């Protein structure tokens, strides 16, 4: 990754500010945490006189919250507890990003702190060798509140953009943003798997994994933070909403997904397809998982899962290499007889901790 940031619409911020060197005896740590939505992230910077080697080396901090958390009065300070640490791709050098949990007191996690219960469950089933991977879709939005390259002509919108090259006047701009975010994630130390253009104009996707245990959900939160920060450089908003605000007369029935891959040691070994098929049947008979796959108890997915544009319907289906399946067995997995399954139902803005905990509890603790 270059030592210079790309040109910014805001001029000096992108071209000059990052050229100012940081003092050699200071380390800047960006404290990143989920807000009350369990989707959007917030952050603030702490200056340290030493370089932390792990998250626990970063001091506890406080943050003023203005939303009510499950009975906690609003306008209350919460405690930020660093739980994972990454390299800072924007400040570089010794500077860090610290992922933090929100705690109400030293002993009581905040009501929105879904990471705590997820981490505890994954620790209990550690011997199962649980791995996750996630495909994160997003739209690059324009000033009009629509995806950047929505065309006025409905026929143009219905082009298949998936993995496409060119096809529109903003393609290079969008690809530069996606590549910059990709590089930032790699620099931070995230386990990036790949990126690609998605089905709809101005829609992109990146993949993270496979990661063991809680690491996948942590890395998804940090990758979202880095994506929104990247959007700042280019003067655009990034939307991971289930259905972005699009013009109904022009827009196809497109949406953002957050497909989750799941495997255990048994699934990855020879003959693992047997355990994969067993897991698929458990999911077939577990409709309750749907209330955990979006931020509103299943209401968002009721709009999204339409069985159109490579999105499954509300009724459970499965298949080999079938993008319309609720739970897909990848073609290579079927051919090799081992690997993982892909649950295509989680929304792009779903809480990754809740999705990981739901899959684990359903498949391993039934």
Protein backbone atom coordinates (compact mmCIF):
# COMPACT_ATOMS: atom_id res chain seq x y z
CA UNK A 1 0.00 0.00 0.00
CA UNK A 2 1.30 3.45 -0.89
CA UNK A 3 2.37 5.86 1.82
CA UNK A 4 0.09 8.47 0.25
CA UNK A 5 -3.69 8.54 0.37
CA UNK A 6 -5.60 8.88 -2.92
CA UNK A 7 -6.79 12.31 -4.06
CA UNK A 8 -9.75 13.46 -2.01
CA UNK A 9 -12.71 15.63 -3.03
CA UNK A 10 -11.84 17.67 0.05
CA UNK A 11 -8.39 18.70 -1.15
CA UNK A 12 -6.09 19.35 1.80
CA UNK A 13 -7.48 16.54 3.91
CA UNK A 14 -6.49 13.95 1.34
CA UNK A 15 -3.26 15.47 0.07
CA UNK A 16 -1.58 17.35 2.93
CA UNK A 17 -2.84 16.33 6.36
CA UNK A 18 -1.44 12.81 6.18
CA UNK A 19 2.00 14.14 5.22
CA UNK A 20 2.47 15.66 8.69
CA UNK A 21 4.62 13.20 10.71
CA UNK A 22 3.48 11.96 14.10
CA UNK A 23 5.85 12.37 17.09
CA UNK A 24 8.14 9.37 17.55
CA UNK A 25 7.32 9.11 21.25
CA UNK A 26 3.53 8.96 20.78
CA UNK A 27 1.18 6.20 19.60
CA UNK A 28 -2.34 6.97 18.46
CA UNK A 29 -5.01 4.34 19.13
CA UNK A 30 -8.40 4.60 17.45
CA UNK A 31 -11.05 3.14 19.75
CA UNK A 32 -13.77 1.61 17.52
CA UNK A 33 -17.11 0.35 18.85
CA UNK A 34 -20.63 -0.51 17.71
CA UNK A 35 -23.36 1.93 18.65
CA UNK A 36 -26.92 1.13 19.76
CA UNK A 37 -27.87 -0.07 16.24
CA UNK A 38 -25.34 -2.96 16.43
CA UNK A 39 -24.46 -2.02 12.86
CA UNK A 40 -22.99 1.48 12.63
CA UNK A 41 -19.64 2.12 14.27
CA UNK A 42 -18.26 5.07 16.19
CA UNK A 43 -14.66 5.89 17.07
CA UNK A 44 -12.43 8.31 18.92
CA UNK A 45 -8.68 8.68 19.27
CA UNK A 46 -6.50 8.13 22.35
CA UNK A 47 -2.83 9.23 22.52
CA UNK A 48 -0.49 6.88 24.41
CA UNK A 49 3.13 7.26 25.49
CA UNK A 50 3.86 3.61 24.64
CA UNK A 51 3.10 1.09 21.91
CA UNK A 52 0.54 -1.51 23.01
CA UNK A 53 1.36 -5.07 21.95
CA UNK A 54 -2.12 -6.48 22.51
CA UNK A 55 -5.61 -5.12 23.11
CA UNK A 56 -5.35 -5.55 26.88
CA UNK A 57 -2.40 -3.13 26.89
CA UNK A 58 -4.75 -0.32 25.86
CA UNK A 59 -6.33 1.50 28.81
CA UNK A 60 -10.04 1.39 29.54
CA UNK A 61 -11.81 4.53 28.42
CA UNK A 62 -15.27 6.05 28.64
CA UNK A 63 -17.69 7.31 26.03
CA UNK A 64 -20.79 9.43 26.37
CA UNK A 65 -23.85 7.64 25.00
CA UNK A 66 -27.15 9.32 24.30
CA UNK A 67 -29.32 6.26 23.67
CA UNK A 68 -31.07 4.09 26.26
CA UNK A 69 -29.60 0.58 26.61
CA UNK A 70 -32.14 -1.91 27.98
CA UNK A 71 -33.28 0.10 30.97
CA UNK A 72 -30.14 2.17 31.38
CA UNK A 73 -31.00 5.86 31.48
CA UNK A 74 -29.95 7.91 28.44
CA UNK A 75 -27.11 10.44 28.55
CA UNK A 76 -24.88 8.02 30.40
CA UNK A 77 -21.17 7.27 30.13
CA UNK A 78 -20.24 3.76 29.08
CA UNK A 79 -16.92 1.97 29.50
CA UNK A 80 -14.89 1.03 26.43
CA UNK A 81 -12.97 -2.23 26.91
CA UNK A 82 -10.45 -2.99 24.12
CA UNK A 83 -10.75 -6.62 23.02
CA UNK A 84 -8.88 -6.83 19.69
CA UNK A 85 -6.17 -4.73 18.06
CA UNK A 86 -5.17 -4.03 14.46
CA UNK A 87 -2.69 -1.88 12.56
CA UNK A 88 -4.03 1.53 11.52
CA UNK A 89 -3.86 1.80 7.70
CA UNK A 90 -4.57 5.53 7.75
CA UNK A 91 -2.00 6.69 10.31
CA UNK A 92 0.35 3.73 9.77
CA UNK A 93 3.60 3.36 11.70
CA UNK A 94 3.10 2.18 15.29
CA UNK A 95 -0.46 3.49 15.45
CA UNK A 96 -3.30 1.08 16.17
CA UNK A 97 -7.02 0.43 15.95
CA UNK A 98 -8.60 -1.06 19.07
CA UNK A 99 -11.96 -2.82 18.76
CA UNK A 100 -13.89 -2.22 21.96
CA UNK A 101 -16.85 -3.70 23.79
CA UNK A 102 -19.34 -1.42 25.54
CA UNK A 103 -19.81 -2.07 29.26
CA UNK A 104 -22.27 -0.38 31.61
CA UNK A 105 -20.09 -1.07 34.66
CA UNK A 106 -16.84 -2.97 35.19
CA UNK A 107 -18.89 -6.16 35.73
CA UNK A 108 -21.95 -5.62 33.50
CA UNK A 109 -21.79 -5.51 29.69
CA UNK A 110 -24.14 -3.09 27.93
CA UNK A 111 -27.37 -4.56 26.60
CA UNK A 112 -26.16 -4.10 23.01
CA UNK A 113 -22.88 -5.91 23.70
CA UNK A 114 -23.68 -9.09 21.77
CA UNK A 115 -19.98 -9.88 21.42
CA UNK A 116 -19.69 -11.03 25.02
CA UNK A 117 -22.23 -13.89 24.79
CA UNK A 118 -20.97 -14.90 21.34
CA UNK A 119 -17.37 -15.15 22.57
CA UNK A 120 -18.43 -17.18 25.63
CA UNK A 121 -20.36 -19.68 23.49
CA UNK A 122 -17.56 -20.09 20.95
CA UNK A 123 -15.12 -20.70 23.79
CA UNK A 124 -17.33 -23.52 25.08
CA UNK A 125 -17.36 -25.27 21.68
CA UNK A 126 -13.72 -24.54 20.92
CA UNK A 127 -12.93 -28.24 20.41
CA UNK A 128 -15.34 -28.32 17.44
CA UNK A 129 -12.98 -26.11 15.43
CA UNK A 130 -15.63 -23.65 14.29
CA UNK A 131 -14.66 -21.49 11.30
CA UNK A 132 -16.67 -18.67 9.77
CA UNK A 133 -16.43 -16.66 6.58
CA UNK A 134 -18.62 -13.78 5.43
CA UNK A 135 -19.49 -12.12 2.14
CA UNK A 136 -20.24 -8.44 2.78
CA UNK A 137 -22.23 -6.58 0.12
CA UNK A 138 -22.59 -2.80 -0.04
CA UNK A 139 -23.74 0.04 -2.29
CA UNK A 140 -21.77 3.20 -3.09
CA UNK A 141 -24.34 5.99 -2.77
CA UNK A 142 -24.61 9.33 -4.60
CA UNK A 143 -25.71 12.71 -3.30
CA UNK A 144 -29.30 12.03 -4.40
CA UNK A 145 -29.64 9.16 -1.96
CA UNK A 146 -29.49 6.57 -4.75
CA UNK A 147 -26.69 4.18 -5.68
CA UNK A 148 -24.07 6.16 -7.60
CA UNK A 149 -24.72 4.70 -11.05
CA UNK A 150 -28.45 4.11 -11.09
CA UNK A 151 -29.48 5.08 -14.62
CA UNK A 152 -32.69 6.84 -15.60
CA UNK A 153 -33.31 4.10 -18.14
CA UNK A 154 -34.76 0.99 -16.45
CA UNK A 155 -33.29 -1.23 -19.18
CA UNK A 156 -29.77 -0.06 -18.31
CA UNK A 157 -30.31 -0.91 -14.66
CA UNK A 158 -31.13 -4.52 -15.45
CA UNK A 159 -27.66 -5.24 -16.85
CA UNK A 160 -25.84 -8.03 -15.04
CA UNK A 161 -22.93 -6.25 -13.38
CA UNK A 162 -21.68 -9.24 -11.38
CA UNK A 163 -17.86 -9.49 -11.73
CA UNK A 164 -18.16 -7.08 -14.65
CA UNK A 165 -15.43 -4.81 -15.99
CA UNK A 166 -16.37 -1.41 -17.34
CA UNK A 167 -20.10 -1.16 -18.15
CA UNK A 168 -20.59 2.34 -16.73
CA UNK A 169 -18.94 5.75 -16.45
CA UNK A 170 -18.30 5.43 -12.70
CA UNK A 171 -16.70 1.97 -12.88
CA UNK A 172 -13.12 3.20 -12.41
CA UNK A 173 -14.06 5.49 -9.53
CA UNK A 174 -15.92 2.68 -7.77
CA UNK A 175 -13.14 0.17 -8.36
CA UNK A 176 -10.53 2.55 -6.93
CA UNK A 177 -12.63 2.95 -3.78
CA UNK A 178 -13.11 -0.82 -3.47
CA UNK A 179 -9.39 -1.46 -4.03
CA UNK A 180 -8.38 1.21 -1.51
CA UNK A 181 -10.64 -0.37 1.10
CA UNK A 182 -9.25 -3.82 0.22
CA UNK A 183 -5.69 -2.61 0.74
CA UNK A 184 -6.62 -0.88 4.01
CA UNK A 185 -8.11 -4.12 5.35
CA UNK A 186 -5.03 -6.12 4.35
CA UNK A 187 -2.74 -3.55 5.98
CA UNK A 188 -4.80 -3.70 9.18
CA UNK A 189 -4.26 -7.46 9.31
CA UNK A 190 -7.75 -8.63 8.35
CA UNK A 191 -8.04 -12.03 6.68
CA UNK A 192 -9.38 -10.78 3.37
CA UNK A 193 -10.42 -13.50 0.92
CA UNK A 194 -11.34 -11.37 -2.10
CA UNK A 195 -13.45 -8.63 -3.66
CA UNK A 196 -15.75 -8.39 -6.67
CA UNK A 197 -18.35 -6.25 -8.31
CA UNK A 198 -21.88 -7.36 -7.50
CA UNK A 199 -25.13 -7.78 -9.48
CA UNK A 200 -26.39 -4.22 -9.31
CA UNK A 201 -24.89 -0.91 -10.50
CA UNK A 202 -22.64 0.57 -7.81
CA UNK A 203 -22.86 -2.59 -5.70
CA UNK A 204 -19.67 -4.33 -4.52
CA UNK A 205 -18.71 -7.17 -2.25
CA UNK A 206 -15.73 -8.29 -0.21
CA UNK A 207 -15.14 -11.54 1.60
CA UNK A 208 -13.38 -12.23 4.91
CA UNK A 209 -12.33 -15.64 6.20
CA UNK A 210 -12.07 -18.34 7.04
CA UNK A 211 -11.53 -17.18 10.62
CA UNK A 212 -11.65 -19.23 13.78
CA UNK A 213 -14.10 -18.42 16.56
CA UNK A 214 -14.85 -14.80 17.39
CA UNK A 215 -12.24 -13.40 14.97
CA UNK A 216 -14.60 -13.31 11.98
CA UNK A 217 -17.21 -11.11 13.64
CA UNK A 218 -14.50 -8.82 15.04
CA UNK A 219 -12.94 -8.42 11.62
CA UNK A 220 -16.30 -7.69 9.99
CA UNK A 221 -16.86 -4.78 12.40
CA UNK A 222 -13.40 -3.37 11.69
CA UNK A 223 -13.81 -3.86 7.93
CA UNK A 224 -17.06 -1.89 8.04
CA UNK A 225 -15.31 0.88 9.96
CA UNK A 226 -12.55 0.97 7.33
CA UNK A 227 -15.14 1.04 4.54
CA UNK A 228 -17.00 4.01 5.97
CA UNK A 229 -13.68 5.77 6.53
CA UNK A 230 -12.75 5.07 2.90
CA UNK A 231 -16.07 6.57 1.82
CA UNK A 232 -15.06 9.78 3.62
CA UNK A 233 -12.03 10.15 1.33
CA UNK A 234 -14.17 9.91 -1.78
CA UNK A 235 -17.08 12.02 -0.52
CA UNK A 236 -19.65 9.24 -0.77
CA UNK A 237 -21.83 7.34 1.65
CA UNK A 238 -21.60 3.57 1.89
CA UNK A 239 -24.88 1.71 2.42
CA UNK A 240 -25.13 -1.81 3.82
CA UNK A 241 -28.87 -1.37 4.36
CA UNK A 242 -31.01 -4.35 3.46
CA UNK A 243 -32.66 -2.31 0.73
CA UNK A 244 -31.08 1.08 -0.03
CA UNK A 245 -33.36 3.99 -0.87
CA UNK A 246 -33.90 3.41 -4.58
CA UNK A 247 -36.38 4.75 -7.10
CA UNK A 248 -39.17 2.15 -7.36
CA UNK A 249 -39.99 2.98 -10.95
CA UNK A 250 -36.41 2.39 -12.09
CA UNK A 251 -34.83 -0.05 -9.67
CA UNK A 252 -34.90 -3.82 -9.83
CA UNK A 253 -35.58 -5.76 -6.66
CA UNK A 254 -31.99 -5.55 -5.44
CA UNK A 255 -30.72 -5.85 -1.89
CA UNK A 256 -27.61 -6.22 0.26
CA UNK A 257 -26.73 -9.61 1.73
CA UNK A 258 -24.19 -10.82 4.26
CA UNK A 259 -23.86 -14.52 3.40
CA UNK A 260 -22.27 -16.50 6.22
CA UNK A 261 -20.06 -19.56 5.71
CA UNK A 262 -19.82 -22.13 8.51
CA UNK A 263 -17.70 -25.23 9.06
CA UNK A 264 -16.34 -27.46 11.80
CA UNK A 265 -13.31 -29.73 11.88
CA UNK A 266 -15.52 -32.72 11.01
CA UNK A 267 -16.94 -30.94 7.98
CA UNK A 268 -13.49 -30.09 6.67
CA UNK A 269 -12.13 -33.64 6.94
CA UNK A 270 -12.59 -36.46 4.43
CA UNK A 271 -16.22 -37.53 4.38
CA UNK A 272 -17.25 -34.19 5.90
CA UNK A 273 -20.14 -33.83 3.43
CA UNK A 274 -22.13 -36.14 5.75
CA UNK A 275 -21.95 -33.57 8.55
CA UNK A 276 -22.60 -30.71 6.16
CA UNK A 277 -25.82 -32.37 4.98
CA UNK A 278 -26.84 -33.01 8.59
CA UNK A 279 -26.29 -29.31 9.37
CA UNK A 280 -28.41 -28.29 6.37
CA UNK A 281 -31.28 -30.41 7.67
CA UNK A 282 -30.98 -28.85 11.13
CA UNK A 283 -31.24 -25.40 9.55
CA UNK A 284 -34.23 -26.54 7.46
CA UNK A 285 -36.03 -27.32 10.71
CA UNK A 286 -34.91 -24.18 12.57
CA UNK A 287 -37.03 -21.29 11.26
CA UNK A 288 -36.31 -19.35 14.47
CA UNK A 289 -32.86 -18.41 13.15
CA UNK A 290 -34.48 -15.89 10.81
CA UNK A 291 -35.25 -13.52 13.68
CA UNK A 292 -31.47 -13.17 14.22
CA UNK A 293 -30.43 -12.62 10.62
CA UNK A 294 -31.38 -8.93 10.43
CA UNK A 295 -31.65 -6.04 12.86
CA UNK A 296 -35.45 -6.07 13.18
CA UNK A 297 -36.39 -9.62 14.11
CA UNK A 298 -36.87 -10.82 10.54
CA UNK A 299 -38.83 -7.86 9.15
CA UNK A 300 -35.98 -6.71 6.89
CA UNK A 301 -35.56 -10.15 5.38
CA UNK A 302 -39.29 -10.32 4.68
CA UNK A 303 -38.65 -7.50 2.16
CA UNK A 304 -35.33 -8.84 0.90
CA UNK A 305 -35.88 -12.57 0.37
CA UNK A 306 -37.89 -12.40 -2.86
CA UNK A 307 -36.44 -15.33 -4.85
CA UNK A 308 -35.19 -12.87 -7.48
CA UNK A 309 -31.81 -11.45 -8.53
CA UNK A 310 -29.81 -14.33 -6.99
CA UNK A 311 -31.59 -13.97 -3.64
CA UNK A 312 -33.48 -16.90 -2.03
CA UNK A 313 -37.11 -16.75 -1.03
CA UNK A 314 -38.59 -16.94 2.45
CA UNK A 315 -39.30 -20.68 2.17
CA UNK A 316 -36.28 -22.84 2.98
CA UNK A 317 -34.45 -24.37 0.02
CA UNK A 318 -31.05 -25.94 -0.48
CA UNK A 319 -28.96 -27.00 -3.43
CA UNK A 320 -25.49 -27.54 -4.84
CA UNK A 321 -24.07 -24.36 -6.37
CA UNK A 322 -27.54 -22.79 -6.33
CA UNK A 323 -27.45 -19.04 -5.64
CA UNK A 324 -31.22 -19.04 -5.04
CA UNK A 325 -30.88 -21.50 -2.15
CA UNK A 326 -31.40 -20.50 1.46
CA UNK A 327 -28.41 -22.68 2.33
CA UNK A 328 -26.01 -23.47 -0.51
CA UNK A 329 -23.47 -26.27 -0.73
CA UNK A 330 -20.73 -24.88 -3.02
CA UNK A 331 -20.01 -26.96 -6.12
CA UNK A 332 -16.39 -27.59 -5.14
CA UNK A 333 -17.48 -28.73 -1.68
CA UNK A 334 -19.85 -31.27 -3.22
CA UNK A 335 -17.15 -32.51 -5.61
CA UNK A 336 -14.51 -32.81 -2.87
CA UNK A 337 -16.91 -34.26 -0.31
CA UNK A 338 -15.86 -31.88 2.45
CA UNK A 339 -15.70 -28.19 3.34
CA UNK A 340 -18.42 -25.81 4.48
CA UNK A 341 -21.98 -24.60 3.95
CA UNK A 342 -23.16 -21.11 3.06
CA UNK A 343 -26.25 -19.60 4.70
CA UNK A 344 -27.37 -16.91 2.23
CA UNK A 345 -30.11 -15.42 4.42
CA UNK A 346 -28.32 -12.98 6.77
CA UNK A 347 -28.65 -9.32 5.75
CA UNK A 348 -25.61 -7.18 4.98
CA UNK A 349 -26.15 -4.99 8.04
CA UNK A 350 -26.88 -7.87 10.43
CA UNK A 351 -25.02 -8.03 13.74
CA UNK A 352 -22.16 -10.47 12.93
CA UNK A 353 -21.92 -11.58 16.57
CA UNK A 354 -25.61 -12.48 16.66
CA UNK A 355 -25.40 -14.37 13.36
CA UNK A 356 -22.31 -16.34 14.45
CA UNK A 357 -23.84 -17.17 17.82
CA UNK A 358 -27.14 -18.21 16.23
CA UNK A 359 -25.48 -20.57 13.74
CA UNK A 360 -23.25 -22.08 16.43
CA UNK A 361 -26.02 -22.55 18.96
CA UNK A 362 -28.37 -24.03 16.36
CA UNK A 363 -25.89 -26.44 14.79
CA UNK A 364 -23.82 -27.49 17.80
CA UNK A 365 -26.00 -26.96 20.88
CA UNK A 366 -29.40 -28.26 19.73
